[in-house]
Amino acid sequence: MRCTSRAASPPIRPPLDGLVGRRGAPAHIRCDNGPELTAHALRDWCRFATVSTSYIEPGSPWQNPFVESFNARVRDELLNVEQFSCLAEAKVLTADWRQAYNAEHPHSALGMTSPARFAATWTASTA
């Protein structure tokens, strides 16, 4: 999650390639039908990486509950409580929130551990 002043989507290939390098390629990526997730760049990357896409039905957010839950948290814990005075402030506060969310915030889907702790435990157990 990054803040930019660009209207166009940021380059998608480097972060996805990095994730695949660290964790392997997924069988598919589940997407809603928003423009950022039907963009040519994502479709091209999926085709190149031999990753299929699975689109949820329009108006069916329950088909993608993890993303919907994350979006609700971003809205409730960051966007609804902060008023950014400039792009630089938005970048700093967003980075701080993301760090806390991934390193400190307990997640019920992960047995009330943080994503960072869960990933470290999972990596150690699969090594």
Foldseek 3Di string as FASTA:
>chain_A
DAFDPDPDDDQDPVVVVVCCVVPNDDQEAEEEPDCVCVDPRNVVNCVVSVHYYHYDDPPCCVVPVVVVVVVVCCCVVPVVPDDDPDRVSVRVSVVVVVCCQQQPAFDVVQVGHHVVVSVVVVVVVVD
